[in-house]
């Protein structure tokens, strides 16, 4: 499908490649806000926040994942996303997510939690809240 209106995307997690191929558009969320990437986009290096990652493969096909924290690099008509997790929305387990949310909230409420552990709990809560929102859609 390579053409002047497409670019190559790789979505990678510690478990391996989630997606790789030519796409028309990529939509995600950075720490500064939503971003859409099209062919020949200017170079970008950005930290990513949990959100619904959308990859428009063609006019008739869009792929989606619940994306956790990670990094985005765009250079030379190529986008690479390095993510802690990328889960298809229909594979999200609401019950498990609710348990994870309660755990993160409990860690944040514990006055004995150190600063580093508090930061981890805040990231965990941000991730689980975004995933719950995606699971409800």
N, C-alpha and C. Protein backbone atom coordinates (compact mmCIF):
# COMPACT_ATOMS: atom_id res chain seq x y z
N UNK A 1 0.82 -1.19 0.00
CA UNK A 1 0.00 0.00 0.00
C UNK A 1 0.86 1.26 0.00
N UNK A 2 2.18 1.11 -0.07
CA UNK A 2 3.07 2.26 -0.01
C UNK A 2 2.70 3.29 -1.06
N UNK A 3 2.61 4.52 -0.62
CA UNK A 3 2.27 5.61 -1.52
C UNK A 3 2.65 6.93 -0.90
N UNK A 4 2.39 8.01 -1.62
CA UNK A 4 2.81 9.31 -1.12
C UNK A 4 1.98 9.79 0.07
N UNK A 5 0.82 9.18 0.33
CA UNK A 5 -0.02 9.57 1.46
C UNK A 5 0.06 8.58 2.62
N UNK A 6 1.04 7.69 2.60
CA UNK A 6 1.19 6.72 3.68
C UNK A 6 2.58 6.84 4.29
N UNK A 7 2.72 6.24 5.46
CA UNK A 7 4.02 6.17 6.12
C UNK A 7 4.07 4.89 6.94
N UNK A 8 5.27 4.49 7.33
CA UNK A 8 5.46 3.25 8.06
C UNK A 8 5.30 3.49 9.56
N UNK A 9 4.60 2.58 10.24
CA UNK A 9 4.39 2.65 11.69
C UNK A 9 4.79 1.33 12.32
N UNK A 10 5.48 1.44 13.45
CA UNK A 10 5.79 0.28 14.29
C UNK A 10 5.24 0.57 15.68
N UNK A 11 4.47 -0.36 16.22
CA UNK A 11 3.98 -0.28 17.60
C UNK A 11 4.63 -1.44 18.34
N UNK A 12 5.50 -1.10 19.30
CA UNK A 12 6.29 -2.11 20.00
C UNK A 12 6.03 -2.07 21.51
N UNK A 13 5.99 -3.25 22.12
CA UNK A 13 5.89 -3.38 23.57
C UNK A 13 7.03 -4.30 24.00
N UNK A 14 7.26 -4.46 25.31
CA UNK A 14 8.30 -5.40 25.75
C UNK A 14 8.05 -6.83 25.26
N UNK A 15 6.79 -7.17 24.98
CA UNK A 15 6.46 -8.51 24.49
C UNK A 15 6.72 -8.67 23.00
N UNK A 16 6.95 -7.58 22.28
CA UNK A 16 7.21 -7.66 20.85
C UNK A 16 6.37 -6.68 20.04
N UNK A 17 6.38 -6.87 18.72
CA UNK A 17 5.66 -5.97 17.82
C UNK A 17 4.16 -6.24 17.88
N UNK A 18 3.40 -5.17 18.09
CA UNK A 18 1.94 -5.24 18.11
C UNK A 18 1.39 -4.94 16.72
N UNK A 19 2.04 -4.01 16.02
CA UNK A 19 1.62 -3.63 14.68
C UNK A 19 2.83 -3.12 13.92
N UNK A 20 2.85 -3.40 12.64
CA UNK A 20 3.89 -2.87 11.76
C UNK A 20 3.34 -2.80 10.35
N UNK A 21 3.48 -1.65 9.70
CA UNK A 21 3.03 -1.54 8.33
C UNK A 21 2.78 -0.12 7.89
N UNK A 22 2.34 0.01 6.66
CA UNK A 22 2.04 1.30 6.05
C UNK A 22 0.65 1.75 6.50
N UNK A 23 0.54 3.02 6.89
CA UNK A 23 -0.74 3.56 7.34
C UNK A 23 -0.96 4.95 6.74
N UNK A 24 -2.19 5.41 6.86
CA UNK A 24 -2.59 6.73 6.39
C UNK A 24 -2.48 7.76 7.51
N UNK A 25 -2.86 7.34 8.74
CA UNK A 25 -2.88 8.28 9.86
C UNK A 25 -2.67 7.53 11.17
N UNK A 26 -2.06 8.22 12.13
CA UNK A 26 -1.86 7.72 13.48
C UNK A 26 -2.36 8.79 14.44
N UNK A 27 -3.16 8.40 15.43
CA UNK A 27 -3.66 9.35 16.43
C UNK A 27 -3.37 8.79 17.82
N UNK A 28 -2.77 9.64 18.68
CA UNK A 28 -2.42 9.24 20.03
C UNK A 28 -2.41 10.47 20.93
N UNK A 29 -1.92 10.31 22.15
CA UNK A 29 -1.90 11.41 23.11
C UNK A 29 -0.51 11.51 23.74
N UNK A 30 0.07 12.69 23.66
CA UNK A 30 1.35 12.95 24.30
C UNK A 30 1.10 13.67 25.63
N UNK A 31 2.15 13.93 26.36
CA UNK A 31 2.01 14.63 27.63
C UNK A 31 1.52 16.07 27.43
N UNK A 32 1.64 16.58 26.21
CA UNK A 32 1.17 17.95 25.93
C UNK A 32 -0.16 17.98 25.20
N UNK A 33 -0.72 16.82 24.85
CA UNK A 33 -2.03 16.80 24.21
C UNK A 33 -2.13 15.80 23.07
N UNK A 34 -3.29 15.81 22.43
CA UNK A 34 -3.56 14.89 21.32
C UNK A 34 -2.66 15.24 20.12
N UNK A 35 -2.29 14.21 19.35
CA UNK A 35 -1.48 14.42 18.16
C UNK A 35 -1.94 13.47 17.07
N UNK A 36 -2.00 14.00 15.87
CA UNK A 36 -2.31 13.19 14.69
C UNK A 36 -1.11 13.25 13.76
N UNK A 37 -0.70 12.11 13.25
CA UNK A 37 0.46 12.03 12.37
C UNK A 37 -0.01 11.59 10.99
N UNK A 38 0.41 12.33 9.99
CA UNK A 38 0.15 11.98 8.59
C UNK A 38 1.50 11.80 7.90
N UNK A 39 1.48 11.36 6.65
CA UNK A 39 2.70 11.18 5.87
C UNK A 39 3.50 12.49 5.82
N UNK A 40 4.81 12.34 5.85
CA UNK A 40 5.76 13.45 5.78
C UNK A 40 5.63 14.44 6.95
N UNK A 41 5.25 13.93 8.11
CA UNK A 41 5.14 14.76 9.32
C UNK A 41 6.54 15.22 9.75
N UNK A 42 6.62 16.37 10.36
CA UNK A 42 7.90 16.85 10.87
C UNK A 42 8.39 15.90 11.96
N UNK A 43 9.70 15.84 12.19
CA UNK A 43 10.22 14.97 13.24
C UNK A 43 9.63 15.31 14.61
N UNK A 44 9.35 14.26 15.38
CA UNK A 44 8.76 14.41 16.72
C UNK A 44 9.40 13.38 17.64
N UNK A 45 9.66 13.79 18.87
CA UNK A 45 10.03 12.86 19.94
C UNK A 45 9.18 13.28 21.13
N UNK A 46 8.30 12.41 21.59
CA UNK A 46 7.36 12.79 22.64
C UNK A 46 7.07 11.64 23.59
N UNK A 47 6.84 11.99 24.85
CA UNK A 47 6.37 11.02 25.84
C UNK A 47 4.87 10.85 25.64
N UNK A 48 4.40 9.61 25.77
CA UNK A 48 2.99 9.30 25.55
C UNK A 48 2.26 9.02 26.86
N UNK A 49 0.99 9.39 26.87
CA UNK A 49 0.10 9.13 28.01
C UNK A 49 -0.90 8.04 27.61
N UNK A 50 -1.47 7.37 28.59
CA UNK A 50 -2.48 6.34 28.28
C UNK A 50 -3.68 6.95 27.54
N UNK A 51 -4.10 6.27 26.49
CA UNK A 51 -5.22 6.73 25.66
C UNK A 51 -5.62 5.62 24.70
N UNK A 52 -6.56 5.94 23.83
CA UNK A 52 -6.92 5.03 22.74
C UNK A 52 -6.05 5.37 21.54
N UNK A 53 -5.17 4.46 21.18
CA UNK A 53 -4.30 4.61 20.02
C UNK A 53 -5.08 4.18 18.79
N UNK A 54 -5.13 5.06 17.78
CA UNK A 54 -5.83 4.74 16.54
C UNK A 54 -4.85 4.78 15.38
N UNK A 55 -4.88 3.72 14.58
CA UNK A 55 -4.04 3.63 13.38
C UNK A 55 -4.98 3.41 12.20
N UNK A 56 -5.05 4.41 11.33
CA UNK A 56 -5.90 4.31 10.13
C UNK A 56 -5.06 3.69 9.03
N UNK A 57 -5.33 2.42 8.76
CA UNK A 57 -4.57 1.66 7.77
C UNK A 57 -5.00 2.06 6.36
N UNK A 58 -6.31 2.28 6.18
CA UNK A 58 -6.87 2.69 4.89
C UNK A 58 -8.18 3.42 5.18
N UNK A 59 -8.84 3.88 4.13
CA UNK A 59 -10.12 4.56 4.32
C UNK A 59 -11.16 3.65 4.95
N UNK A 60 -10.99 2.34 4.79
CA UNK A 60 -11.99 1.40 5.29
C UNK A 60 -11.54 0.60 6.52
N UNK A 61 -10.29 0.79 6.97
CA UNK A 61 -9.79 0.00 8.10
C UNK A 61 -9.04 0.87 9.10
N UNK A 62 -9.51 0.82 10.35
CA UNK A 62 -8.83 1.49 11.46
C UNK A 62 -8.60 0.46 12.56
N UNK A 63 -7.38 0.42 13.07
CA UNK A 63 -7.03 -0.49 14.18
C UNK A 63 -6.89 0.34 15.44
N UNK A 64 -7.27 -0.23 16.60
CA UNK A 64 -7.23 0.50 17.86
C UNK A 64 -6.66 -0.37 18.97
N UNK A 65 -5.96 0.31 19.91
CA UNK A 65 -5.42 -0.33 21.10
C UNK A 65 -5.54 0.62 22.28
N UNK A 66 -5.71 0.06 23.46
CA UNK A 66 -5.56 0.82 24.69
C UNK A 66 -4.06 0.92 24.91
N UNK A 67 -3.55 2.13 24.88
CA UNK A 67 -2.11 2.38 24.95
C UNK A 67 -1.76 2.89 26.34
N UNK A 68 -0.72 2.32 26.93
CA UNK A 68 -0.25 2.84 28.21
C UNK A 68 0.87 3.86 27.95
N UNK A 69 1.64 4.17 28.97
CA UNK A 69 2.72 5.14 28.82
C UNK A 69 3.77 4.62 27.82
N UNK A 70 4.48 5.56 27.22
CA UNK A 70 5.52 5.17 26.28
C UNK A 70 6.14 6.38 25.61
N UNK A 71 6.76 6.12 24.47
CA UNK A 71 7.44 7.16 23.68
C UNK A 71 7.03 7.05 22.21
N UNK A 72 7.02 8.20 21.56
CA UNK A 72 6.74 8.29 20.12
C UNK A 72 7.91 8.97 19.45
N UNK A 73 8.39 8.37 18.37
CA UNK A 73 9.42 9.00 17.55
C UNK A 73 8.91 9.00 16.11
N UNK A 74 8.94 10.18 15.49
CA UNK A 74 8.58 10.31 14.09
C UNK A 74 9.79 10.92 13.38
N UNK A 75 10.26 10.23 12.33
CA UNK A 75 11.41 10.72 11.58
C UNK A 75 11.43 10.03 10.23
N UNK A 76 11.69 10.79 9.18
CA UNK A 76 11.87 10.25 7.83
C UNK A 76 10.68 9.38 7.39
N UNK A 77 9.47 9.90 7.58
CA UNK A 77 8.24 9.22 7.16
C UNK A 77 8.07 7.85 7.83
N UNK A 78 8.51 7.77 9.08
CA UNK A 78 8.43 6.55 9.87
C UNK A 78 8.06 6.94 11.30
N UNK A 79 7.08 6.27 11.87
CA UNK A 79 6.70 6.50 13.27
C UNK A 79 6.92 5.22 14.06
N UNK A 80 7.53 5.37 15.22
CA UNK A 80 7.76 4.23 16.09
C UNK A 80 7.20 4.57 17.47
N UNK A 81 6.35 3.70 17.99
CA UNK A 81 5.79 3.85 19.33
C UNK A 81 6.34 2.74 20.20
N UNK A 82 6.98 3.11 21.30
CA UNK A 82 7.48 2.16 22.28
C UNK A 82 6.57 2.28 23.49
N UNK A 83 5.76 1.26 23.73
CA UNK A 83 4.72 1.32 24.75
C UNK A 83 4.91 0.25 25.81
N UNK A 84 4.53 0.59 27.05
CA UNK A 84 4.55 -0.41 28.11
C UNK A 84 3.52 -1.50 27.81
N UNK A 85 2.36 -1.08 27.27
CA UNK A 85 1.29 -2.02 26.92
C UNK A 85 0.51 -1.48 25.73
N UNK A 86 -0.03 -2.37 24.93
CA UNK A 86 -0.97 -2.04 23.87
C UNK A 86 -1.96 -3.21 23.79
N UNK A 87 -3.19 -2.95 24.23
CA UNK A 87 -4.20 -4.00 24.34
C UNK A 87 -5.41 -3.64 23.49
N UNK A 88 -5.89 -4.60 22.71
CA UNK A 88 -7.10 -4.36 21.92
C UNK A 88 -8.25 -4.08 22.88
N UNK A 89 -9.07 -3.06 22.61
CA UNK A 89 -10.15 -2.67 23.53
C UNK A 89 -11.06 -3.81 23.95
N UNK A 90 -11.37 -4.74 23.06
CA UNK A 90 -12.28 -5.83 23.42
C UNK A 90 -11.62 -6.88 24.32
N UNK A 91 -10.32 -6.74 24.57
CA UNK A 91 -9.62 -7.67 25.45
C UNK A 91 -9.41 -7.09 26.85
N UNK A 92 -9.90 -5.87 27.08
CA UNK A 92 -9.79 -5.26 28.40
C UNK A 92 -10.77 -5.93 29.36
N UNK A 93 -10.31 -6.25 30.54
CA UNK A 93 -11.13 -6.91 31.56
C UNK A 93 -11.52 -5.86 32.60
N UNK A 94 -12.79 -5.43 32.57
CA UNK A 94 -13.25 -4.37 33.47
C UNK A 94 -13.07 -4.74 34.93
N UNK A 95 -13.37 -5.98 35.30
CA UNK A 95 -13.25 -6.41 36.69
C UNK A 95 -11.80 -6.28 37.17
N UNK A 96 -10.87 -6.73 36.36
CA UNK A 96 -9.45 -6.63 36.71
C UNK A 96 -9.01 -5.16 36.79
N UNK A 97 -9.50 -4.35 35.87
CA UNK A 97 -9.16 -2.92 35.88
C UNK A 97 -9.70 -2.23 37.12
N UNK A 98 -10.92 -2.59 37.55
CA UNK A 98 -11.49 -2.01 38.77
C UNK A 98 -10.64 -2.38 39.99
N UNK A 99 -10.16 -3.63 40.03
CA UNK A 99 -9.28 -4.06 41.13
C UNK A 99 -7.97 -3.28 41.11
N UNK A 100 -7.41 -3.08 39.92
CA UNK A 100 -6.17 -2.32 39.79
C UNK A 100 -6.37 -0.86 40.22
N UNK A 101 -7.54 -0.31 39.90
CA UNK A 101 -7.84 1.07 40.30
C UNK A 101 -7.92 1.18 41.82
N UNK A 102 -8.61 0.25 42.45
CA UNK A 102 -8.73 0.26 43.92
C UNK A 102 -7.35 0.13 44.57
N UNK A 103 -6.50 -0.72 44.01
CA UNK A 103 -5.15 -0.90 44.54
C UNK A 103 -4.34 0.40 44.43
N UNK A 104 -4.38 1.05 43.26
CA UNK A 104 -3.64 2.30 43.06
C UNK A 104 -4.15 3.39 44.00
N UNK A 105 -5.46 3.47 44.16
CA UNK A 105 -6.04 4.48 45.06
C UNK A 105 -5.63 4.21 46.50
N UNK A 106 -5.59 2.95 46.90
CA UNK A 106 -5.18 2.60 48.27
C UNK A 106 -3.72 2.98 48.51
N UNK A 107 -2.87 2.74 47.52
CA UNK A 107 -1.46 3.11 47.66
C UNK A 107 -1.30 4.62 47.77
N UNK A 108 -2.11 5.37 47.02
CA UNK A 108 -2.05 6.83 47.10
C UNK A 108 -2.58 7.35 48.44
N UNK A 109 -3.55 6.68 49.01
CA UNK A 109 -4.15 7.11 50.28
C UNK A 109 -3.27 6.77 51.48
N UNK A 110 -2.32 5.86 51.30
CA UNK A 110 -1.46 5.42 52.40
C UNK A 110 -0.41 6.50 52.67
N UNK A 111 -0.47 7.08 53.86
CA UNK A 111 0.46 8.15 54.23
C UNK A 111 1.91 7.68 54.33
N UNK A 112 2.11 6.38 54.49
CA UNK A 112 3.48 5.87 54.60
C UNK A 112 4.13 5.63 53.23
N UNK A 113 3.37 5.84 52.16
CA UNK A 113 3.91 5.64 50.81
C UNK A 113 4.97 6.70 50.52
N UNK A 114 6.14 6.25 50.11
CA UNK A 114 7.23 7.16 49.76
C UNK A 114 6.96 7.87 48.45
N UNK A 115 7.79 8.87 48.16
CA UNK A 115 7.58 9.69 46.95
C UNK A 115 7.66 8.87 45.66
N UNK A 116 8.64 7.98 45.56
CA UNK A 116 8.80 7.17 44.35
C UNK A 116 7.60 6.23 44.18
N UNK A 117 7.18 5.61 45.28
CA UNK A 117 6.03 4.70 45.21
C UNK A 117 4.76 5.46 44.89
N UNK A 118 4.65 6.69 45.37
CA UNK A 118 3.49 7.53 45.08
C UNK A 118 3.43 7.86 43.57
N UNK A 119 4.58 8.15 42.98
CA UNK A 119 4.64 8.43 41.54
C UNK A 119 4.21 7.21 40.72
N UNK A 120 4.64 6.04 41.15
CA UNK A 120 4.25 4.80 40.46
C UNK A 120 2.74 4.61 40.58
N UNK A 121 2.20 4.83 41.77
CA UNK A 121 0.75 4.68 41.98
C UNK A 121 -0.03 5.68 41.13
N UNK A 122 0.48 6.91 41.00
CA UNK A 122 -0.19 7.92 40.17
C UNK A 122 -0.19 7.49 38.70
N UNK A 123 0.93 6.96 38.22
CA UNK A 123 0.99 6.46 36.83
C UNK A 123 0.05 5.29 36.63
N UNK A 124 0.03 4.38 37.62
CA UNK A 124 -0.87 3.22 37.53
C UNK A 124 -2.33 3.67 37.49
N UNK A 125 -2.68 4.65 38.31
CA UNK A 125 -4.05 5.15 38.35
C UNK A 125 -4.40 5.83 37.03
N UNK A 126 -3.49 6.62 36.48
CA UNK A 126 -3.73 7.29 35.19
C UNK A 126 -3.99 6.25 34.10
N UNK A 127 -3.19 5.19 34.09
CA UNK A 127 -3.34 4.12 33.09
C UNK A 127 -4.69 3.42 33.25
N UNK A 128 -5.02 3.00 34.47
CA UNK A 128 -6.24 2.22 34.67
C UNK A 128 -7.48 3.07 34.40
N UNK A 129 -7.46 4.36 34.74
CA UNK A 129 -8.61 5.22 34.44
C UNK A 129 -8.80 5.38 32.93
N UNK A 130 -7.71 5.53 32.19
CA UNK A 130 -7.81 5.62 30.72
C UNK A 130 -8.33 4.32 30.14
N UNK A 131 -7.85 3.18 30.63
CA UNK A 131 -8.28 1.88 30.12
C UNK A 131 -9.75 1.63 30.44
N UNK A 132 -10.20 2.04 31.65
CA UNK A 132 -11.63 1.89 32.00
C UNK A 132 -12.50 2.72 31.07
N UNK A 133 -12.06 3.92 30.75
CA UNK A 133 -12.81 4.78 29.83
C UNK A 133 -12.92 4.12 28.45
N UNK A 134 -11.83 3.53 27.99
CA UNK A 134 -11.83 2.83 26.70
C UNK A 134 -12.74 1.62 26.75
N UNK A 135 -12.71 0.87 27.85
CA UNK A 135 -13.54 -0.33 27.99
C UNK A 135 -15.02 0.00 28.00
N UNK A 136 -15.39 1.20 28.47
CA UNK A 136 -16.80 1.61 28.51
C UNK A 136 -17.33 2.02 27.15
N UNK A 137 -16.43 2.44 26.26
CA UNK A 137 -16.87 2.95 24.96
C UNK A 137 -17.46 1.87 24.09
